[in-house]
Amino acid sequence: MKKAIVVFSLVLLGSVIVLSLSGGGITGQALSLVTGNWTDSLQVGVVLLAAIGILGITLLNLTHKDE
């Protein structure tokens, strides 16, 4: 189970990084192309990256067993 959580988190993290660097993100390519402001989608990507990081740390803390 722990391995599945780590793999899922890494895949999600990689996709967010690719989307944020390509100017995609939740706002999509259309907004960045129409407005010419790619920083909007970059900011969304960074926020998603931070949220996924917090989620990953929380999941690791919940699944960690004290020995």
PDB file of N, CA and C in Angstrom:
ATOM      1  N   MET A   1       0.831  -1.201   0.000  1.00  0.00           N
ATOM      2  CA  MET A   1       0.000   0.000   0.000  1.00  0.00           C
ATOM      3  C   MET A   1       0.866   1.251   0.000  1.00  0.00           C
ATOM      4  N   LYS A   2       1.927   1.230   0.811  1.00  0.00           N
ATOM      5  CA  LYS A   2       2.790   2.401   0.888  1.00  0.00           C
ATOM      6  C   LYS A   2       3.464   2.655  -0.461  1.00  0.00           C
ATOM      7  N   LYS A   3       3.863   1.576  -1.146  1.00  0.00           N
ATOM      8  CA  LYS A   3       4.506   1.725  -2.450  1.00  0.00           C
ATOM      9  C   LYS A   3       3.532   2.320  -3.463  1.00  0.00           C
ATOM     10  N   ALA A   4       2.273   1.924  -3.397  1.00  0.00           N
ATOM     11  CA  ALA A   4       1.267   2.462  -4.315  1.00  0.00           C
ATOM     12  C   ALA A   4       1.047   3.952  -4.081  1.00  0.00           C
ATOM     13  N   ILE A   5       1.053   4.372  -2.828  1.00  0.00           N
ATOM     14  CA  ILE A   5       0.880   5.795  -2.518  1.00  0.00           C
ATOM     15  C   ILE A   5       2.055   6.595  -3.048  1.00  0.00           C
ATOM     16  N   VAL A   6       3.260   6.075  -2.877  1.00  0.00           N
ATOM     17  CA  VAL A   6       4.449   6.780  -3.354  1.00  0.00           C
ATOM     18  C   VAL A   6       4.444   6.880  -4.875  1.00  0.00           C
ATOM     19  N   VAL A   7       4.113   5.794  -5.560  1.00  0.00           N
ATOM     20  CA  VAL A   7       4.080   5.806  -7.025  1.00  0.00           C
ATOM     21  C   VAL A   7       3.019   6.770  -7.525  1.00  0.00           C
ATOM     22  N   PHE A   8       1.839   6.735  -6.925  1.00  0.00           N
ATOM     23  CA  PHE A   8       0.766   7.646  -7.328  1.00  0.00           C
ATOM     24  C   PHE A   8       1.173   9.100  -7.112  1.00  0.00           C
ATOM     25  N   SER A   9       1.800   9.383  -5.976  1.00  0.00           N
ATOM     26  CA  SER A   9       2.238  10.753  -5.691  1.00  0.00           C
ATOM     27  C   SER A   9       3.286  11.217  -6.686  1.00  0.00           C
ATOM     28  N   LEU A  10       4.218  10.343  -7.052  1.00  0.00           N
ATOM     29  CA  LEU A  10       5.259  10.719  -8.004  1.00  0.00           C
ATOM     30  C   LEU A  10       4.686  10.976  -9.391  1.00  0.00           C
ATOM     31  N   VAL A  11       3.741  10.151  -9.821  1.00  0.00           N
ATOM     32  CA  VAL A  11       3.112  10.356 -11.125  1.00  0.00           C
ATOM     33  C   VAL A  11       2.339  11.667 -11.141  1.00  0.00           C
ATOM     34  N   LEU A  12       1.599  11.936 -10.083  1.00  0.00           N
ATOM     35  CA  LEU A  12       0.833  13.176  -9.993  1.00  0.00           C
ATOM     36  C   LEU A  12       1.760  14.380  -9.948  1.00  0.00           C
ATOM     37  N   LEU A  13       2.835  14.267  -9.198  1.00  0.00           N
ATOM     38  CA  LEU A  13       3.810  15.349  -9.110  1.00  0.00           C
ATOM     39  C   LEU A  13       4.454  15.615 -10.462  1.00  0.00           C
ATOM     40  N   GLY A  14       4.816  14.568 -11.177  1.00  0.00           N
ATOM     41  CA  GLY A  14       5.414  14.736 -12.500  1.00  0.00           C
ATOM     42  C   GLY A  14       4.476  15.401 -13.476  1.00  0.00           C
ATOM     43  N   SER A  15       3.201  15.020 -13.431  1.00  0.00           N
ATOM     44  CA  SER A  15       2.247  15.640 -14.356  1.00  0.00           C
ATOM     45  C   SER A  15       2.028  17.103 -14.034  1.00  0.00           C
ATOM     46  N   VAL A  16       2.007  17.463 -12.762  1.00  0.00           N
ATOM     47  CA  VAL A  16       1.850  18.872 -12.390  1.00  0.00           C
ATOM     48  C   VAL A  16       3.059  19.679 -12.835  1.00  0.00           C
ATOM     49  N   ILE A  17       4.250  19.120 -12.688  1.00  0.00           N
ATOM     50  CA  ILE A  17       5.457  19.831 -13.118  1.00  0.00           C
ATOM     51  C   ILE A  17       5.434  20.053 -14.623  1.00  0.00           C
ATOM     52  N   VAL A  18       5.069  19.030 -15.378  1.00  0.00           N
ATOM     53  CA  VAL A  18       5.009  19.172 -16.835  1.00  0.00           C
ATOM     54  C   VAL A  18       3.974  20.213 -17.235  1.00  0.00           C
ATOM     55  N   LEU A  19       2.803  20.175 -16.604  1.00  0.00           N
ATOM     56  CA  LEU A  19       1.755  21.143 -16.931  1.00  0.00           C
ATOM     57  C   LEU A  19       2.173  22.558 -16.574  1.00  0.00           C
ATOM     58  N   SER A  20       2.815  22.734 -15.429  1.00  0.00           N
ATOM     59  CA  SER A  20       3.186  24.084 -15.021  1.00  0.00           C
ATOM     60  C   SER A  20       4.304  24.634 -15.900  1.00  0.00           C
ATOM     61  N   LEU A  21       5.239  23.791 -16.300  1.00  0.00           N
ATOM     62  CA  LEU A  21       6.336  24.275 -17.138  1.00  0.00           C
ATOM     63  C   LEU A  21       5.907  24.505 -18.581  1.00  0.00           C
ATOM     64  N   SER A  22       4.887  23.771 -19.022  1.00  0.00           N
ATOM     65  CA  SER A  22       4.438  23.945 -20.403  1.00  0.00           C
ATOM     66  C   SER A  22       3.418  25.067 -20.537  1.00  0.00           C
ATOM     67  N   GLY A  23       3.032  25.681 -19.441  1.00  0.00           N
ATOM     68  CA  GLY A  23       2.042  26.746 -19.499  1.00  0.00           C
ATOM     69  C   GLY A  23       0.637  26.212 -19.544  1.00  0.00           C
ATOM     70  N   GLY A  24       0.459  24.953 -19.202  1.00  0.00           N
ATOM     71  CA  GLY A  24      -0.870  24.349 -19.205  1.00  0.00           C
ATOM     72  C   GLY A  24      -1.588  24.626 -17.902  1.00  0.00           C
ATOM     73  N   GLY A  25      -1.586  23.656 -17.033  1.00  0.00           N
ATOM     74  CA  GLY A  25      -2.241  23.835 -15.749  1.00  0.00           C
ATOM     75  C   GLY A  25      -3.750  23.765 -15.883  1.00  0.00           C
ATOM     76  N   ILE A  26      -4.417  24.060 -14.800  1.00  0.00           N
ATOM     77  CA  ILE A  26      -5.879  23.986 -14.789  1.00  0.00           C
ATOM     78  C   ILE A  26      -6.472  25.033 -15.712  1.00  0.00           C
ATOM     79  N   THR A  27      -5.826  26.194 -15.815  1.00  0.00           N
ATOM     80  CA  THR A  27      -6.381  27.263 -16.647  1.00  0.00           C
ATOM     81  C   THR A  27      -6.329  26.900 -18.115  1.00  0.00           C
ATOM     82  N   GLY A  28      -5.467  25.984 -18.484  1.00  0.00           N
ATOM     83  CA  GLY A  28      -5.438  25.485 -19.856  1.00  0.00           C
ATOM     84  C   GLY A  28      -4.592  26.320 -20.797  1.00  0.00           C
ATOM     85  N   GLN A  29      -4.250  25.723 -21.931  1.00  0.00           N
ATOM     86  CA  GLN A  29      -3.433  26.395 -22.934  1.00  0.00           C
ATOM     87  C   GLN A  29      -4.166  27.580 -23.534  1.00  0.00           C
ATOM     88  N   ALA A  30      -5.494  27.482 -23.663  1.00  0.00           N
ATOM     89  CA  ALA A  30      -6.248  28.527 -24.362  1.00  0.00           C
ATOM     90  C   ALA A  30      -6.112  29.865 -23.655  1.00  0.00           C
ATOM     91  N   LEU A  31      -6.220  29.878 -22.337  1.00  0.00           N
ATOM     92  CA  LEU A  31      -6.139  31.132 -21.597  1.00  0.00           C
ATOM     93  C   LEU A  31      -4.765  31.760 -21.744  1.00  0.00           C
ATOM     94  N   SER A  32      -3.721  30.943 -21.640  1.00  0.00           N
ATOM     95  CA  SER A  32      -2.378  31.497 -21.732  1.00  0.00           C
ATOM     96  C   SER A  32      -2.080  31.978 -23.145  1.00  0.00           C
ATOM     97  N   LEU A  33      -2.689  31.344 -24.152  1.00  0.00           N
ATOM     98  CA  LEU A  33      -2.462  31.787 -25.527  1.00  0.00           C
ATOM     99  C   LEU A  33      -3.254  33.048 -25.848  1.00  0.00           C
ATOM    100  N   VAL A  34      -4.486  33.138 -25.341  1.00  0.00           N
ATOM    101  CA  VAL A  34      -5.326  34.296 -25.644  1.00  0.00           C
ATOM    102  C   VAL A  34      -4.814  35.531 -24.928  1.00  0.00           C
ATOM    103  N   THR A  35      -4.535  35.402 -23.641  1.00  0.00           N
ATOM    104  CA  THR A  35      -4.110  36.566 -22.867  1.00  0.00           C
ATOM    105  C   THR A  35      -2.626  36.845 -23.047  1.00  0.00           C
ATOM    106  N   GLY A  36      -1.874  35.847 -23.475  1.00  0.00           N
ATOM    107  CA  GLY A  36      -0.431  36.020 -23.592  1.00  0.00           C
ATOM    108  C   GLY A  36       0.248  36.033 -22.242  1.00  0.00           C
ATOM    109  N   ASN A  37      -0.490  35.687 -21.197  1.00  0.00           N
ATOM    110  CA  ASN A  37       0.049  35.708 -19.841  1.00  0.00           C
ATOM    111  C   ASN A  37       0.167  34.273 -19.336  1.00  0.00           C
ATOM    112  N   TRP A  38       1.336  33.686 -19.538  1.00  0.00           N
ATOM    113  CA  TRP A  38       1.537  32.297 -19.148  1.00  0.00           C
ATOM    114  C   TRP A  38       1.778  32.165 -17.655  1.00  0.00           C
ATOM    115  N   THR A  39       1.975  33.288 -16.954  1.00  0.00           N
ATOM    116  CA  THR A  39       2.239  33.201 -15.516  1.00  0.00           C
ATOM    117  C   THR A  39       1.006  32.771 -14.736  1.00  0.00           C
ATOM    118  N   ASP A  40      -0.198  33.007 -15.288  1.00  0.00           N
ATOM    119  CA  ASP A  40      -1.411  32.545 -14.601  1.00  0.00           C
ATOM    120  C   ASP A  40      -1.393  31.034 -14.451  1.00  0.00           C
ATOM    121  N   SER A  41      -1.143  30.338 -15.531  1.00  0.00           N
ATOM    122  CA  SER A  41      -1.139  28.885 -15.464  1.00  0.00           C
ATOM    123  C   SER A  41       0.066  28.377 -14.687  1.00  0.00           C
ATOM    124  N   LEU A  42       1.171  29.116 -14.717  1.00  0.00           N
ATOM    125  CA  LEU A  42       2.336  28.721 -13.934  1.00  0.00           C
ATOM    126  C   LEU A  42       2.023  28.813 -12.443  1.00  0.00           C
ATOM    127  N   GLN A  43       1.311  29.874 -12.053  1.00  0.00           N
ATOM    128  CA  GLN A  43       0.938  30.022 -10.643  1.00  0.00           C
ATOM    129  C   GLN A  43       0.004  28.905 -10.204  1.00  0.00           C
ATOM    130  N   VAL A  44      -0.926  28.535 -11.066  1.00  0.00           N
ATOM    131  CA  VAL A  44      -1.827  27.429 -10.741  1.00  0.00           C
ATOM    132  C   VAL A  44      -1.031  26.142 -10.573  1.00  0.00           C
ATOM    133  N   GLY A  45      -0.051  25.934 -11.448  1.00  0.00           N
ATOM    134  CA  GLY A  45       0.782  24.743 -11.338  1.00  0.00           C
ATOM    135  C   GLY A  45       1.573  24.709 -10.048  1.00  0.00           C
ATOM    136  N   VAL A  46       2.090  25.866  -9.629  1.00  0.00           N
ATOM    137  CA  VAL A  46       2.861  25.925  -8.387  1.00  0.00           C
ATOM    138  C   VAL A  46       1.960  25.665  -7.181  1.00  0.00           C
ATOM    139  N   VAL A  47       0.756  26.223  -7.205  1.00  0.00           N
ATOM    140  CA  VAL A  47      -0.184  25.983  -6.106  1.00  0.00           C
ATOM    141  C   VAL A  47      -0.556  24.504  -6.039  1.00  0.00           C
ATOM    142  N   LEU A  48      -0.800  23.894  -7.207  1.00  0.00           N
ATOM    143  CA  LEU A  48      -1.102  22.462  -7.223  1.00  0.00           C
ATOM    144  C   LEU A  48       0.078  21.644  -6.718  1.00  0.00           C
ATOM    145  N   LEU A  49       1.278  22.056  -7.089  1.00  0.00           N
ATOM    146  CA  LEU A  49       2.478  21.363  -6.641  1.00  0.00           C
ATOM    147  C   LEU A  49       2.592  21.421  -5.120  1.00  0.00           C
ATOM    148  N   ALA A  50       2.333  22.600  -4.552  1.00  0.00           N
ATOM    149  CA  ALA A  50       2.387  22.742  -3.094  1.00  0.00           C
ATOM    150  C   ALA A  50       1.313  21.892  -2.420  1.00  0.00           C
ATOM    151  N   ALA A  51       0.114  21.889  -2.995  1.00  0.00           N
ATOM    152  CA  ALA A  51      -0.976  21.103  -2.408  1.00  0.00           C
ATOM    153  C   ALA A  51      -0.663  19.614  -2.455  1.00  0.00           C
ATOM    154  N   ILE A  52      -0.090  19.160  -3.565  1.00  0.00           N
ATOM    155  CA  ILE A  52       0.256  17.744  -3.687  1.00  0.00           C
ATOM    156  C   ILE A  52       1.387  17.391  -2.727  1.00  0.00           C
ATOM    157  N   GLY A  53       2.323  18.321  -2.538  1.00  0.00           N
ATOM    158  CA  GLY A  53       3.398  18.092  -1.577  1.00  0.00           C
ATOM    159  C   GLY A  53       2.873  17.930  -0.164  1.00  0.00           C
ATOM    160  N   ILE A  54       1.934  18.799   0.212  1.00  0.00           N
ATOM    161  CA  ILE A  54       1.334  18.705   1.543  1.00  0.00           C
ATOM    162  C   ILE A  54       0.567  17.398   1.688  1.00  0.00           C
ATOM    163  N   LEU A  55      -0.166  17.016   0.642  1.00  0.00           N
ATOM    164  CA  LEU A  55      -0.910  15.761   0.670  1.00  0.00           C
ATOM    165  C   LEU A  55       0.036  14.570   0.800  1.00  0.00           C
ATOM    166  N   GLY A  56       1.134  14.611   0.055  1.00  0.00           N
ATOM    167  CA  GLY A  56       2.100  13.521   0.124  1.00  0.00           C
ATOM    168  C   GLY A  56       2.721  13.381   1.498  1.00  0.00           C
ATOM    169  N   ILE A  57       3.093  14.508   2.113  1.00  0.00           N
ATOM    170  CA  ILE A  57       3.677  14.472   3.457  1.00  0.00           C
ATOM    171  C   ILE A  57       2.664  13.944   4.461  1.00  0.00           C
ATOM    172  N   THR A  58       1.414  14.389   4.320  1.00  0.00           N
ATOM    173  CA  THR A  58       0.365  13.912   5.227  1.00  0.00           C
ATOM    174  C   THR A  58       0.164  12.410   5.091  1.00  0.00           C
ATOM    175  N   LEU A  59       0.107  11.921   3.841  1.00  0.00           N
ATOM    176  CA  LEU A  59      -0.078  10.484   3.631  1.00  0.00           C
ATOM    177  C   LEU A  59       1.093   9.684   4.184  1.00  0.00           C
ATOM    178  N   LEU A  60       2.305  10.195   4.002  1.00  0.00           N
ATOM    179  CA  LEU A  60       3.464   9.478   4.527  1.00  0.00           C
ATOM    180  C   LEU A  60       3.457   9.465   6.050  1.00  0.00           C
ATOM    181  N   ASN A  61       3.017  10.568   6.663  1.00  0.00           N
ATOM    182  CA  ASN A  61       2.933  10.600   8.123  1.00  0.00           C
ATOM    183  C   ASN A  61       1.858   9.651   8.640  1.00  0.00           C
ATOM    184  N   LEU A  62       0.758   9.546   7.909  1.00  0.00           N
ATOM    185  CA  LEU A  62      -0.323   8.660   8.343  1.00  0.00           C
ATOM    186  C   LEU A  62       0.052   7.195   8.190  1.00  0.00           C
ATOM    187  N   THR A  63       0.811   6.884   7.142  1.00  0.00           N
ATOM    188  CA  THR A  63       1.151   5.484   6.895  1.00  0.00           C
ATOM    189  C   THR A  63       2.425   5.053   7.610  1.00  0.00           C
ATOM    190  N   HIS A  64       3.163   6.003   8.178  1.00  0.00           N
ATOM    191  CA  HIS A  64       4.417   5.670   8.860  1.00  0.00           C
ATOM    192  C   HIS A  64       4.118   5.008  10.197  1.00  0.00           C
ATOM    193  N   LYS A  65       4.796   3.906  10.448  1.00  0.00           N
ATOM    194  CA  LYS A  65       4.601   3.194  11.710  1.00  0.00           C
ATOM    195  C   LYS A  65       5.800   3.449  12.607  1.00  0.00           C
ATOM    196  N   ASP A  66       5.516   3.879  13.830  1.00  0.00           N
ATOM    197  CA  ASP A  66       6.594   4.059  14.802  1.00  0.00           C
ATOM    198  C   ASP A  66       7.043   2.696  15.303  1.00  0.00           C
ATOM    199  N   GLU A  67       8.349   2.523  15.321  1.00  0.00           N
ATOM    200  CA  GLU A  67       8.870   1.221  15.743  1.00  0.00           C
ATOM    201  C   GLU A  67       9.610   1.354  17.048  1.00  0.00           C
TER     202      GLU A  67
END
